[in-house]
N, C-alpha and C. Protein backbone atom coordinates (compact mmCIF):
# COMPACT_ATOMS: atom_id res chain seq x y z
N UNK A 1 7.69 15.00 -1.58
CA UNK A 1 7.32 15.08 -0.14
C UNK A 1 6.25 16.25 0.16
N UNK A 2 5.17 15.59 0.68
CA UNK A 2 4.04 16.35 0.96
C UNK A 2 4.14 17.29 2.46
N UNK A 3 4.26 18.84 2.31
CA UNK A 3 4.52 19.74 3.55
C UNK A 3 4.62 19.13 4.84
N UNK A 4 3.22 18.59 5.08
CA UNK A 4 2.93 17.99 6.48
C UNK A 4 3.41 16.60 7.02
N UNK A 5 3.99 16.04 5.70
CA UNK A 5 3.99 14.79 5.58
C UNK A 5 5.21 14.20 6.77
N UNK A 6 4.84 13.36 7.73
CA UNK A 6 5.69 12.84 8.82
C UNK A 6 7.22 12.29 8.06
N UNK A 7 8.22 12.60 8.52
CA UNK A 7 9.48 11.98 7.70
C UNK A 7 9.38 10.61 7.25
N UNK A 8 8.93 9.73 8.39
CA UNK A 8 9.00 8.34 8.19
C UNK A 8 8.05 7.90 7.09
N UNK A 9 7.38 8.80 6.60
CA UNK A 9 6.52 8.35 5.13
C UNK A 9 6.97 8.89 3.96
N UNK A 10 6.38 8.06 2.96
CA UNK A 10 6.77 8.49 1.70
C UNK A 10 5.35 8.15 0.75
N UNK A 11 5.11 9.20 -0.14
CA UNK A 11 3.70 9.22 -0.74
C UNK A 11 4.21 8.73 -2.35
N UNK A 12 3.42 8.14 -2.98
CA UNK A 12 3.60 8.34 -4.36
C UNK A 12 2.04 8.22 -5.06
N UNK A 13 2.00 8.87 -6.19
CA UNK A 13 0.64 9.46 -6.57
C UNK A 13 0.81 8.61 -8.00
N UNK A 14 -0.63 8.63 -8.68
CA UNK A 14 -0.82 8.28 -9.98
C UNK A 14 -1.85 9.30 -10.72
N UNK A 15 -1.41 9.78 -11.77
CA UNK A 15 -2.46 10.77 -12.27
C UNK A 15 -2.97 10.30 -13.57
N UNK A 16 -4.03 10.67 -14.22
CA UNK A 16 -4.50 10.40 -15.54
C UNK A 16 -5.23 11.81 -15.94
N UNK A 17 -5.07 11.99 -16.83
CA UNK A 17 -5.62 13.62 -17.62
C UNK A 17 -5.87 14.55 -16.51
N UNK A 18 -4.37 14.81 -15.58
CA UNK A 18 -4.35 15.94 -14.82
C UNK A 18 -5.23 15.54 -13.58
N UNK A 19 -5.65 14.45 -13.14
CA UNK A 19 -6.26 14.24 -12.18
C UNK A 19 -5.74 13.30 -11.21
N UNK A 20 -5.80 13.27 -9.94
CA UNK A 20 -5.25 12.15 -9.18
C UNK A 20 -6.17 10.85 -9.05
N UNK A 21 -5.68 9.94 -9.41
CA UNK A 21 -6.42 8.43 -9.74
C UNK A 21 -5.92 7.46 -8.82
N UNK A 22 -4.99 7.79 -7.95
CA UNK A 22 -4.30 6.56 -7.07
C UNK A 22 -3.48 6.94 -6.32
N UNK A 23 -3.06 6.47 -4.86
CA UNK A 23 -1.96 6.67 -4.36
C UNK A 23 -1.60 5.68 -3.36
N UNK A 24 -0.41 5.74 -2.74
CA UNK A 24 0.09 4.73 -1.72
C UNK A 24 0.90 5.68 -0.79
N UNK A 25 0.64 5.32 0.34
CA UNK A 25 1.66 6.05 1.45
C UNK A 25 2.19 4.93 2.27
N UNK A 26 3.36 4.76 2.34
CA UNK A 26 4.43 3.86 2.94
C UNK A 26 5.05 4.59 4.22
N UNK A 27 4.95 3.83 5.28
CA UNK A 27 5.72 4.04 6.38
C UNK A 27 6.64 3.31 6.95
N UNK A 28 7.97 3.92 7.18
CA UNK A 28 9.03 2.93 7.84
C UNK A 28 9.64 2.13 6.66
N UNK A 29 9.34 2.60 5.29
CA UNK A 29 9.97 1.28 4.26
C UNK A 29 9.22 -0.13 4.73
N UNK A 30 8.04 0.05 5.28
CA UNK A 30 7.76 -1.45 5.45
C UNK A 30 6.32 -1.54 5.90
N UNK A 31 5.51 -0.38 5.97
CA UNK A 31 4.17 -0.65 6.31
C UNK A 31 3.20 0.24 5.17
N UNK A 32 2.28 -0.39 4.77
CA UNK A 32 1.61 0.30 3.70
C UNK A 32 0.19 1.12 4.56
N UNK A 33 0.26 2.23 4.68
CA UNK A 33 -0.54 2.92 5.59
C UNK A 33 -1.92 3.44 5.05
N UNK A 34 -1.75 3.79 3.40
CA UNK A 34 -2.81 3.95 2.92
C UNK A 34 -3.06 3.41 1.54
N UNK A 35 -3.52 3.05 0.87
CA UNK A 35 -3.53 2.61 -0.80
C UNK A 35 -4.89 3.06 -1.54
N UNK A 36 -5.02 3.52 -2.38
CA UNK A 36 -6.62 3.27 -3.10
C UNK A 36 -6.09 3.76 -4.42
N UNK A 37 -7.12 3.34 -5.73
CA UNK A 37 -7.06 3.61 -6.89
C UNK A 37 -8.50 3.98 -6.96
N UNK A 38 -8.90 5.10 -7.98
CA UNK A 38 -10.14 5.58 -8.06
C UNK A 38 -10.98 4.34 -8.87
N UNK A 39 -12.05 4.21 -8.44
CA UNK A 39 -12.96 2.95 -9.08
C UNK A 39 -13.16 3.23 -10.43
N UNK A 40 -12.97 4.22 -11.22
CA UNK A 40 -13.41 4.52 -12.45
C UNK A 40 -11.79 3.90 -13.18
N UNK A 41 -11.02 3.87 -12.48
CA UNK A 41 -9.53 3.53 -12.97
C UNK A 41 -8.94 1.81 -12.57
N UNK A 42 -9.81 1.53 -12.08
CA UNK A 42 -9.17 0.10 -11.26
C UNK A 42 -9.26 -0.76 -12.31
N UNK A 43 -8.52 -1.94 -12.35
CA UNK A 43 -8.33 -3.18 -13.26
C UNK A 43 -7.55 -2.33 -14.28
N UNK A 44 -6.56 -1.55 -14.32
CA UNK A 44 -5.65 -0.94 -15.11
C UNK A 44 -4.26 -1.04 -14.91
N UNK A 45 -4.19 -1.97 -13.84
CA UNK A 45 -2.85 -1.98 -13.52
C UNK A 45 -2.07 -0.81 -12.59
N UNK A 46 -2.81 -0.14 -12.28
CA UNK A 46 -2.31 1.34 -11.54
C UNK A 46 -1.80 1.15 -9.99
N UNK A 47 -2.67 0.29 -9.47
CA UNK A 47 -2.20 -0.07 -8.02
C UNK A 47 -1.32 -1.01 -7.91
N UNK A 48 -0.93 -1.96 -9.10
CA UNK A 48 -0.10 -2.56 -9.13
C UNK A 48 1.59 -1.66 -9.27
N UNK A 49 1.50 -0.86 -10.21
CA UNK A 49 2.36 -0.16 -10.59
C UNK A 49 3.09 0.53 -9.54
N UNK A 50 1.88 1.41 -8.55
CA UNK A 50 2.02 2.18 -7.33
C UNK A 50 3.09 1.02 -6.47
N UNK A 51 2.39 -0.12 -6.49
CA UNK A 51 3.23 -1.04 -5.22
C UNK A 51 4.56 -1.40 -5.58
N UNK A 52 4.88 -1.67 -6.79
CA UNK A 52 5.82 -2.09 -7.39
C UNK A 52 7.13 -0.94 -7.34
N UNK A 53 6.72 0.30 -7.66
CA UNK A 53 7.29 1.46 -7.50
C UNK A 53 7.67 1.99 -6.06
N UNK A 54 6.68 1.67 -5.16
CA UNK A 54 6.80 1.94 -3.79
C UNK A 54 7.84 0.64 -3.13
N UNK A 55 7.81 -0.51 -3.50
CA UNK A 55 8.63 -1.49 -3.04
C UNK A 55 10.00 -1.09 -3.81
N UNK A 56 10.36 -0.69 -4.87
CA UNK A 56 11.65 -0.02 -5.23
C UNK A 56 11.98 1.15 -4.37
N UNK A 57 11.24 2.00 -3.85
CA UNK A 57 11.77 3.03 -3.07
C UNK A 57 12.21 2.54 -1.89
N UNK A 58 11.55 1.45 -1.29
CA UNK A 58 11.91 0.92 -0.02
C UNK A 58 12.90 0.49 -0.16
N UNK A 59 13.37 -0.33 -1.08
CA UNK A 59 14.49 -1.10 -0.82
C UNK A 59 15.64 -0.04 -1.10
N UNK A 60 15.69 1.06 -2.00
CA UNK A 60 16.38 2.00 -2.16
C UNK A 60 16.80 2.83 -0.60
N UNK A 61 15.74 3.16 -0.03
CA UNK A 61 15.88 3.65 1.33
C UNK A 61 16.17 2.96 2.33
N UNK A 62 16.08 1.47 2.24
CA UNK A 62 16.50 0.49 3.34
C UNK A 62 16.82 -0.94 2.72
N UNK A 63 18.05 -1.30 2.49
CA UNK A 63 18.43 -2.15 1.40
C UNK A 63 18.11 -3.57 2.46
N UNK A 64 18.04 -3.30 3.58
CA UNK A 64 17.82 -4.54 4.22
C UNK A 64 16.24 -4.85 4.78
N UNK A 65 15.30 -4.13 4.11
CA UNK A 65 14.04 -4.23 4.13
C UNK A 65 13.75 -6.01 3.63
N UNK A 66 12.86 -6.47 4.21
CA UNK A 66 12.48 -7.89 3.96
C UNK A 66 10.91 -7.89 3.78
N UNK A 67 10.38 -7.27 4.34
CA UNK A 67 8.78 -7.60 4.09
C UNK A 67 7.79 -6.16 4.04
N UNK A 68 6.77 -6.35 3.55
CA UNK A 68 6.14 -5.08 3.46
C UNK A 68 4.59 -5.47 4.08
N UNK A 69 3.88 -4.78 4.91
CA UNK A 69 2.86 -5.50 5.48
C UNK A 69 1.94 -4.33 5.40
N UNK A 70 0.52 -4.69 5.38
CA UNK A 70 -0.61 -3.84 5.48
C UNK A 70 -1.66 -4.22 5.98
N UNK A 71 -2.51 -3.49 6.61
CA UNK A 71 -3.67 -3.61 7.72
C UNK A 71 -4.94 -3.67 6.71
N UNK A 72 -5.21 -4.73 5.77
CA UNK A 72 -6.26 -4.72 4.55
C UNK A 72 -7.68 -4.37 5.11
N UNK A 73 -8.21 -3.56 4.66
CA UNK A 73 -9.88 -3.81 4.85
C UNK A 73 -10.29 -5.02 4.15
N UNK A 74 -11.42 -5.47 4.64
CA UNK A 74 -11.89 -6.80 4.05
C UNK A 74 -12.46 -6.87 2.49
N UNK A 75 -12.77 -5.95 2.07
CA UNK A 75 -12.99 -6.19 0.58
C UNK A 75 -11.88 -6.36 -0.27
N UNK A 76 -10.45 -5.65 0.29
CA UNK A 76 -9.46 -5.49 -0.31
C UNK A 76 -8.47 -6.68 -0.34
N UNK A 77 -8.71 -7.93 0.76
CA UNK A 77 -8.14 -8.80 1.08
C UNK A 77 -7.73 -9.67 -0.33
N UNK A 78 -8.70 -10.17 -1.13
CA UNK A 78 -8.44 -10.62 -2.34
C UNK A 78 -7.59 -9.77 -3.41
N UNK A 79 -7.62 -8.53 -3.52
CA UNK A 79 -6.91 -7.71 -4.11
C UNK A 79 -5.37 -7.86 -3.70
N UNK A 80 -5.10 -7.65 -2.35
CA UNK A 80 -3.79 -7.94 -1.81
C UNK A 80 -3.36 -9.31 -2.04
N UNK A 81 -4.05 -10.47 -1.86
CA UNK A 81 -3.63 -11.57 -2.17
C UNK A 81 -3.14 -11.57 -3.84
N UNK A 82 -3.82 -11.23 -4.60
CA UNK A 82 -3.20 -11.07 -5.99
C UNK A 82 -2.08 -10.37 -6.13
N UNK A 83 -1.82 -9.34 -5.32
CA UNK A 83 -0.61 -8.79 -5.23
C UNK A 83 0.74 -9.28 -4.56
N UNK A 84 0.47 -10.37 -4.23
CA UNK A 84 1.51 -11.07 -3.30
C UNK A 84 1.45 -11.18 -2.12
N UNK A 85 0.35 -10.74 -1.26
CA UNK A 85 0.34 -10.40 0.13
C UNK A 85 -0.40 -11.68 0.97
N UNK A 86 0.28 -12.29 1.78
CA UNK A 86 -0.33 -13.19 2.68
C UNK A 86 -1.07 -12.94 3.81
N UNK A 87 -2.16 -13.57 4.28
CA UNK A 87 -2.62 -13.08 5.59
C UNK A 87 -1.59 -13.57 6.81
N UNK A 88 -1.60 -12.77 7.74
CA UNK A 88 -0.79 -12.79 8.89
C UNK A 88 -1.83 -13.02 10.08
N UNK A 89 -3.13 -12.49 9.95
CA UNK A 89 -3.88 -12.88 10.94
C UNK A 89 -5.41 -13.05 10.63
N UNK A 90 -6.27 -13.33 11.33
CA UNK A 90 -7.49 -13.40 11.01
C UNK A 90 -8.17 -12.13 11.16
N UNK A 91 -9.44 -11.99 10.82
CA UNK A 91 -10.06 -10.64 10.83
C UNK A 91 -10.00 -10.21 12.22
N UNK A 92 -9.61 -8.82 12.46
CA UNK A 92 -9.68 -8.39 13.71
C UNK A 92 -10.70 -6.81 13.78
N UNK A 93 -10.93 -6.38 14.59
CA UNK A 93 -11.51 -5.06 14.98
C UNK A 93 -10.70 -4.48 15.89
N UNK A 94 -10.41 -3.05 15.68
CA UNK A 94 -9.71 -2.09 16.20
C UNK A 94 -10.43 -0.87 16.52
N UNK A 95 -11.18 -0.12 17.51
CA UNK A 95 -11.65 1.09 17.49
C UNK A 95 -12.88 1.05 16.43
N UNK A 96 -13.41 0.04 15.91
CA UNK A 96 -14.54 -0.21 15.03
C UNK A 96 -14.06 -0.30 13.86
N UNK A 97 -12.78 -0.44 13.34
CA UNK A 97 -11.94 -0.62 12.25
C UNK A 97 -11.95 -2.23 11.75
N UNK A 98 -12.45 -2.72 11.09
CA UNK A 98 -12.05 -4.29 10.66
C UNK A 98 -11.03 -4.23 9.54
N UNK A 99 -10.22 -5.18 9.91
CA UNK A 99 -9.04 -5.34 8.99
C UNK A 99 -8.42 -6.65 9.37
N UNK A 100 -7.67 -7.12 8.22
CA UNK A 100 -6.86 -8.40 8.22
C UNK A 100 -5.43 -7.90 8.23
N UNK A 101 -4.30 -8.46 8.99
CA UNK A 101 -3.02 -7.98 8.71
C UNK A 101 -2.63 -8.80 7.60
N UNK A 102 -1.87 -8.48 6.81
CA UNK A 102 -1.04 -9.13 5.45
C UNK A 102 0.32 -8.46 5.41
N UNK A 103 1.35 -9.34 4.77
CA UNK A 103 2.45 -9.17 4.37
C UNK A 103 3.04 -9.72 3.10
N UNK A 104 3.74 -9.30 2.70
CA UNK A 104 4.40 -9.58 1.31
C UNK A 104 5.72 -9.73 1.51
N UNK A 105 6.57 -10.74 1.30
CA UNK A 105 7.95 -11.18 1.53
C UNK A 105 8.53 -10.43 -0.08
N UNK A 106 9.90 -9.77 0.45
CA UNK A 106 10.28 -8.81 -0.74
C UNK A 106 11.43 -9.50 -1.11
């Protein structure tokens, strides 16, 4: 756990050659708050591995969890769809941030 991390969050990271190359932050065992993979490491299954391990953690922390959602950036929508997420809304903009609400049934 990260020292200043809120207790309702957990973070998983991916490292390669001693460097951080990816991470995922999940809130309340049901919402991806942040996820990224360094552009030099994309296409290697790092994001998928982080997601699948996060889902396992969500299920172990809350066996009743049924969905995982994310407010996806527009460019990440196709990636999320590849990872099993479905659109739950059209493109929206809140405080200047454009996104699409998506969810994956677990």
